[in-house]
Amino acid sequence: MGVIPYNITFADKKRFDQDGYWISPKLLSDETIERLRGAHDRIWNKDYDGAGMPLHAFKLSENPHALRKFDNGWWINDEVRSVVTDPNLGEMAAKLLNEDEIRLWHDQVIYKPGTSGQETTAGNVGWHQDYGYWKSSSTTNMVTVWIALQDTDLNNGGMMTILGSHKWGSVEGSDTFFEQDMAKLKQRFATRDWIEEPCILKAGQASFHHALTFHGSSTNFTDQPRLSVVAHLMPGNTFYKEGRARHDNVRLLGPRPQFGQKFDNEFFPVLYRQ
């Protein structure tokens, strides 16, 4: 159980720097994929490992086609923990971000129901930048690792990225994950070249996208759910930055978090250190 080692090449790094994302080779064995699919079942049935409790878990609505999302699955599921804290994942992130140390910011376990061909926006993830939610972090140099647990393309609601959008900086109002009108969001954010590219993944492959890269996803038209496990990773020296934005991770710094305090306690484990 864990992530298959892979050495980031010059071409991989160039692609990440140019486009704002990079698709890995297969990083999970078939056995690990099946165990993570089983972990999904257990998580949604509240069958937790250990005595801990989740940070939060929710559906976007009671609509049966609504997205389900669970943060910090590593707290309560051993299979998720073994993947999102894997040193091999950390080393790849370190090389893509040019960092000496990588810690886990948080993970996500995401379930997008199939609609069996029904047209609905209930499972949409609006165009957004991850950093739109992470402005209490001192750096934008963070990366999201989205791991597919089945072959994934636009037919089953695969992710789409906007090429080069990580070069736009932190865009005001980009915390729009939960807004489901993709066309309306495009009108708001497409103030420069807007080139949509689908992330087409085989089971066990991952998309590494920069925290400033705009991305989103639409309807899963199949009769099967689209399952993924996601690791959000940060440099080891990331600290709490003063500002308007808050994030649940700030609470994990203790009852009186201080500006400048590093996210370096047990809630933010080290994946890789050079």
Protein backbone atom coordinates (compact mmCIF):
# COMPACT_ATOMS: atom_id res chain seq x y z
CA MET A 1 0.00 0.00 0.00
CA GLY A 2 1.44 3.35 -0.98
CA VAL A 3 2.71 5.40 -3.90
CA ILE A 4 5.00 3.96 -6.58
CA PRO A 5 8.28 5.95 -6.78
CA TYR A 6 8.81 8.18 -9.80
CA ASN A 7 11.64 10.61 -10.61
CA ILE A 8 10.43 13.95 -11.95
CA THR A 9 12.16 14.72 -15.25
CA PHE A 10 13.17 18.05 -16.76
CA ALA A 11 10.25 17.70 -19.21
CA ASP A 12 7.81 17.07 -16.36
CA LYS A 13 8.99 20.18 -14.52
CA LYS A 14 8.84 22.26 -17.71
CA ARG A 15 5.25 21.14 -18.34
CA PHE A 16 4.22 21.99 -14.76
CA ASP A 17 5.88 25.42 -14.92
CA GLN A 18 4.39 26.21 -18.33
CA ASP A 19 0.83 24.88 -17.98
CA GLY A 20 0.27 24.91 -14.21
CA TYR A 21 -0.30 21.18 -14.01
CA TRP A 22 1.30 17.85 -14.84
CA ILE A 23 -0.15 14.35 -15.16
CA SER A 24 1.89 11.58 -13.59
CA PRO A 25 2.34 8.02 -14.74
CA LYS A 26 0.39 5.39 -12.78
CA LEU A 27 1.35 5.86 -9.13
CA LEU A 28 -0.90 3.27 -7.47
CA SER A 29 -1.01 -0.49 -7.88
CA ASP A 30 -4.33 -2.10 -8.80
CA GLU A 31 -4.51 -3.50 -5.26
CA THR A 32 -4.04 -0.04 -3.74
CA ILE A 33 -6.72 1.39 -6.04
CA GLU A 34 -9.20 -1.26 -4.90
CA ARG A 35 -8.35 -0.66 -1.25
CA LEU A 36 -8.93 3.07 -1.68
CA ARG A 37 -12.25 2.42 -3.40
CA GLY A 38 -13.15 0.29 -0.38
CA ALA A 39 -12.00 3.14 1.86
CA HIS A 40 -14.54 5.36 0.12
CA ASP A 41 -17.32 2.94 1.03
CA ARG A 42 -16.20 2.80 4.64
CA ILE A 43 -15.80 6.56 4.98
CA TRP A 44 -19.27 7.35 3.62
CA ASN A 45 -20.73 4.69 5.94
CA LYS A 46 -18.92 6.31 8.91
CA ASP A 47 -16.78 3.22 9.50
CA TYR A 48 -13.72 5.02 10.85
CA ASP A 49 -10.27 3.70 11.81
CA GLY A 50 -9.12 4.76 15.26
CA ALA A 51 -10.97 6.87 17.80
CA GLY A 52 -10.65 10.22 16.00
CA MET A 53 -13.32 12.27 14.30
CA PRO A 54 -13.29 13.95 10.88
CA LEU A 55 -12.76 17.69 10.49
CA HIS A 56 -15.94 17.85 8.42
CA ALA A 57 -17.74 15.90 5.72
CA PHE A 58 -20.66 16.96 3.60
CA LYS A 59 -22.75 16.76 0.46
CA LEU A 60 -23.41 19.97 -1.42
CA SER A 61 -27.15 19.26 -1.12
CA GLU A 62 -29.63 16.44 -0.57
CA ASN A 63 -29.81 15.98 -4.34
CA PRO A 64 -28.66 12.37 -5.03
CA HIS A 65 -26.40 13.72 -7.78
CA ALA A 66 -24.67 16.21 -5.48
CA LEU A 67 -20.94 16.00 -4.87
CA ARG A 68 -19.73 14.51 -1.59
CA LYS A 69 -16.50 15.82 -0.10
CA PHE A 70 -14.62 14.78 3.01
CA ASP A 71 -11.62 16.69 4.38
CA ASN A 72 -8.77 15.07 6.32
CA GLY A 73 -9.69 11.49 5.56
CA TRP A 74 -6.21 10.58 6.81
CA TRP A 75 -7.43 11.20 10.36
CA ILE A 76 -9.94 8.36 10.21
CA ASN A 77 -8.89 6.01 7.40
CA ASP A 78 -5.63 4.07 7.27
CA GLU A 79 -5.66 3.52 3.49
CA VAL A 80 -6.09 7.22 2.76
CA ARG A 81 -3.38 8.08 5.30
CA SER A 82 -0.87 5.72 3.70
CA VAL A 83 -1.25 7.44 0.32
CA VAL A 84 -1.62 11.16 1.17
CA THR A 85 1.36 11.07 3.56
CA ASP A 86 3.56 8.92 1.30
CA PRO A 87 7.20 10.16 0.98
CA ASN A 88 7.22 9.43 -2.76
CA LEU A 89 4.32 11.85 -3.26
CA GLY A 90 6.19 14.42 -1.20
CA GLU A 91 9.37 14.06 -3.21
CA MET A 92 7.54 14.58 -6.50
CA ALA A 93 5.84 17.69 -5.10
CA ALA A 94 9.17 19.02 -3.78
CA LYS A 95 10.77 18.74 -7.21
CA LEU A 96 7.84 20.35 -9.02
CA LEU A 97 7.70 23.24 -6.52
CA ASN A 98 11.49 23.62 -6.03
CA GLU A 99 11.17 23.10 -2.28
CA ASP A 100 13.36 21.24 0.22
CA GLU A 101 10.53 20.05 2.47
CA ILE A 102 6.88 19.15 1.89
CA ARG A 103 4.08 18.83 4.44
CA LEU A 104 0.45 17.85 4.10
CA TRP A 105 -1.87 20.87 4.14
CA HIS A 106 -4.95 18.62 4.16
CA ASP A 107 -6.50 15.88 2.07
CA GLN A 108 -9.88 15.38 0.45
CA VAL A 109 -11.91 12.30 -0.38
CA ILE A 110 -14.29 13.21 -3.23
CA TYR A 111 -17.25 11.25 -4.57
CA LYS A 112 -19.08 12.50 -7.68
CA PRO A 113 -22.25 10.44 -8.28
CA GLY A 114 -23.14 9.27 -11.76
CA THR A 115 -26.31 10.62 -13.36
CA SER A 116 -26.82 7.83 -15.95
CA GLY A 117 -27.01 10.42 -18.70
CA GLN A 118 -29.14 12.95 -16.87
CA GLU A 119 -28.15 16.58 -17.45
CA THR A 120 -27.65 18.29 -14.09
CA THR A 121 -25.25 20.75 -12.49
CA ALA A 122 -25.61 19.20 -9.01
CA GLY A 123 -22.19 17.52 -9.18
CA ASN A 124 -20.36 20.43 -10.77
CA VAL A 125 -17.25 21.92 -9.19
CA GLY A 126 -17.05 25.56 -10.22
CA TRP A 127 -13.98 27.14 -11.83
CA HIS A 128 -11.75 28.12 -8.90
CA GLN A 129 -8.21 28.48 -7.60
CA ASP A 130 -7.38 26.33 -4.58
CA TYR A 131 -5.45 29.24 -3.12
CA GLY A 132 -8.71 31.19 -3.10
CA TYR A 133 -9.45 29.18 0.06
CA TRP A 134 -5.90 29.14 1.39
CA LYS A 135 -5.07 32.83 1.76
CA SER A 136 -4.19 32.29 5.42
CA SER A 137 -1.14 30.44 4.04
CA SER A 138 2.05 32.47 3.61
CA THR A 139 2.79 31.06 0.17
CA THR A 140 0.99 30.40 -3.10
CA ASN A 141 3.65 27.79 -3.96
CA MET A 142 1.45 24.84 -3.06
CA VAL A 143 0.25 21.89 -5.11
CA THR A 144 -2.83 19.67 -5.29
CA VAL A 145 -2.41 16.00 -6.18
CA TRP A 146 -5.72 14.66 -7.55
CA ILE A 147 -5.56 10.85 -7.77
CA ALA A 148 -8.06 9.01 -9.95
CA LEU A 149 -9.48 5.72 -8.65
CA GLN A 150 -10.91 4.80 -12.07
CA ASP A 151 -10.27 5.84 -15.65
CA THR A 152 -11.41 9.45 -15.74
CA ASP A 153 -12.35 11.77 -18.61
CA LEU A 154 -15.04 14.36 -19.34
CA ASN A 155 -17.72 11.67 -19.67
CA ASN A 156 -17.52 10.86 -15.97
CA GLY A 157 -16.95 14.40 -14.77
CA GLY A 158 -13.17 14.62 -14.98
CA MET A 159 -11.32 17.75 -14.02
CA MET A 160 -10.48 20.50 -16.51
CA THR A 161 -7.66 23.02 -16.08
CA ILE A 162 -7.07 26.44 -17.60
CA LEU A 163 -3.63 26.34 -19.17
CA GLY A 164 -1.16 28.83 -17.72
CA SER A 165 -3.66 30.37 -15.31
CA HIS A 166 -1.24 29.87 -12.41
CA LYS A 167 0.67 32.81 -13.85
CA TRP A 168 -2.27 35.15 -13.20
CA GLY A 169 -1.52 35.40 -9.50
CA SER A 170 -4.13 35.17 -6.76
CA VAL A 171 -7.39 36.31 -8.34
CA GLU A 172 -9.91 38.08 -6.12
CA GLY A 173 -13.06 36.03 -5.53
CA SER A 174 -11.64 32.76 -6.86
CA ASP A 175 -13.04 30.72 -3.93
CA THR A 176 -15.85 29.41 -6.15
CA PHE A 177 -15.61 25.61 -5.75
CA PHE A 178 -19.26 25.47 -4.70
CA GLU A 179 -20.67 27.65 -7.50
CA GLN A 180 -22.03 25.33 -10.17
CA ASP A 181 -22.77 27.65 -13.11
CA MET A 182 -19.60 27.05 -15.10
CA ALA A 183 -20.53 29.46 -17.92
CA LYS A 184 -21.19 32.30 -15.48
CA LEU A 185 -17.86 31.72 -13.75
CA LYS A 186 -16.06 31.64 -17.09
CA GLN A 187 -17.53 35.06 -17.91
CA ARG A 188 -16.19 36.35 -14.59
CA PHE A 189 -12.68 34.92 -14.80
CA ALA A 190 -11.90 34.66 -18.53
CA THR A 191 -10.34 38.11 -18.77
CA ARG A 192 -7.26 36.68 -20.55
CA ASP A 193 -6.61 33.66 -22.76
CA TRP A 194 -8.93 30.95 -21.47
CA ILE A 195 -7.73 27.59 -22.75
CA GLU A 196 -9.55 24.64 -21.21
CA GLU A 197 -7.74 21.31 -21.15
CA PRO A 198 -9.25 18.09 -19.77
CA CYS A 199 -7.23 16.00 -17.34
CA ILE A 200 -7.64 12.53 -18.84
CA LEU A 201 -6.36 9.97 -16.36
CA LYS A 202 -6.11 6.22 -16.12
CA ALA A 203 -6.89 4.69 -12.73
CA GLY A 204 -3.94 5.33 -10.43
CA GLN A 205 -2.64 8.36 -12.31
CA ALA A 206 -2.57 11.78 -10.64
CA SER A 207 -2.87 15.37 -11.76
CA PHE A 208 -0.49 17.70 -9.92
CA HIS A 209 -1.84 21.24 -10.27
CA HIS A 210 -0.50 24.47 -8.82
CA ALA A 211 -2.56 26.21 -6.13
CA LEU A 212 -3.17 29.14 -8.51
CA THR A 213 -4.28 27.04 -11.50
CA PHE A 214 -7.96 27.52 -12.32
CA HIS A 215 -9.79 24.21 -12.58
CA GLY A 216 -13.26 22.74 -12.27
CA SER A 217 -15.38 19.78 -13.34
CA SER A 218 -18.81 19.10 -14.76
CA THR A 219 -21.39 16.31 -14.88
CA ASN A 220 -20.61 12.62 -14.45
CA PHE A 221 -22.88 11.15 -17.14
CA THR A 222 -22.04 7.51 -16.37
CA ASP A 223 -23.90 5.15 -14.04
CA GLN A 224 -20.88 4.81 -11.73
CA PRO A 225 -19.50 7.31 -9.21
CA ARG A 226 -16.25 9.14 -9.96
CA LEU A 227 -13.97 8.52 -6.98
CA SER A 228 -10.78 10.33 -6.08
CA VAL A 229 -8.36 10.91 -3.22
CA VAL A 230 -6.66 14.29 -3.11
CA ALA A 231 -3.54 15.50 -1.28
CA HIS A 232 -2.99 19.24 -0.86
CA LEU A 233 0.70 19.82 -0.16
CA MET A 234 2.74 22.82 1.02
CA PRO A 235 6.38 23.78 1.62
CA GLY A 236 7.67 22.88 5.06
CA ASN A 237 8.21 26.51 6.10
CA THR A 238 4.64 27.65 5.41
CA PHE A 239 3.20 29.89 8.14
CA TYR A 240 -0.05 31.59 9.09
CA LYS A 241 -0.42 34.87 7.23
CA GLU A 242 -2.48 37.77 8.50
CA GLY A 243 -5.43 38.73 6.34
CA ARG A 244 -9.17 38.58 5.86
CA ALA A 245 -9.25 34.96 4.80
CA ARG A 246 -9.60 32.16 7.33
CA HIS A 247 -9.26 28.44 6.87
CA ASP A 248 -10.14 25.59 9.21
CA ASN A 249 -6.44 24.69 9.33
CA VAL A 250 -5.77 27.83 11.36
CA ARG A 251 -7.74 26.27 14.22
CA LEU A 252 -5.24 23.40 14.21
CA LEU A 253 -2.48 25.79 15.33
CA GLY A 254 -4.07 25.94 18.79
CA PRO A 255 -6.51 28.16 20.69
CA ARG A 256 -4.58 31.40 20.09
CA PRO A 257 -2.83 31.12 16.70
CA GLN A 258 -0.22 33.79 16.09
CA PHE A 259 0.57 35.45 12.76
CA GLY A 260 3.83 33.97 11.54
CA GLN A 261 3.22 30.67 13.35
CA LYS A 262 4.29 27.73 11.18
CA PHE A 263 1.92 24.98 10.12
CA ASP A 264 4.36 22.41 11.45
CA ASN A 265 2.61 20.41 14.17
CA GLU A 266 1.20 16.87 14.09
CA PHE A 267 -1.79 17.96 11.97
CA PHE A 268 0.60 18.80 9.11
CA PRO A 269 2.90 15.78 8.78
CA VAL A 270 6.17 15.88 6.85
CA LEU A 271 6.08 13.84 3.63
CA TYR A 272 9.56 14.71 2.39
CA ARG A 273 12.63 16.46 3.66
CA GLN A 274 15.78 16.80 1.54
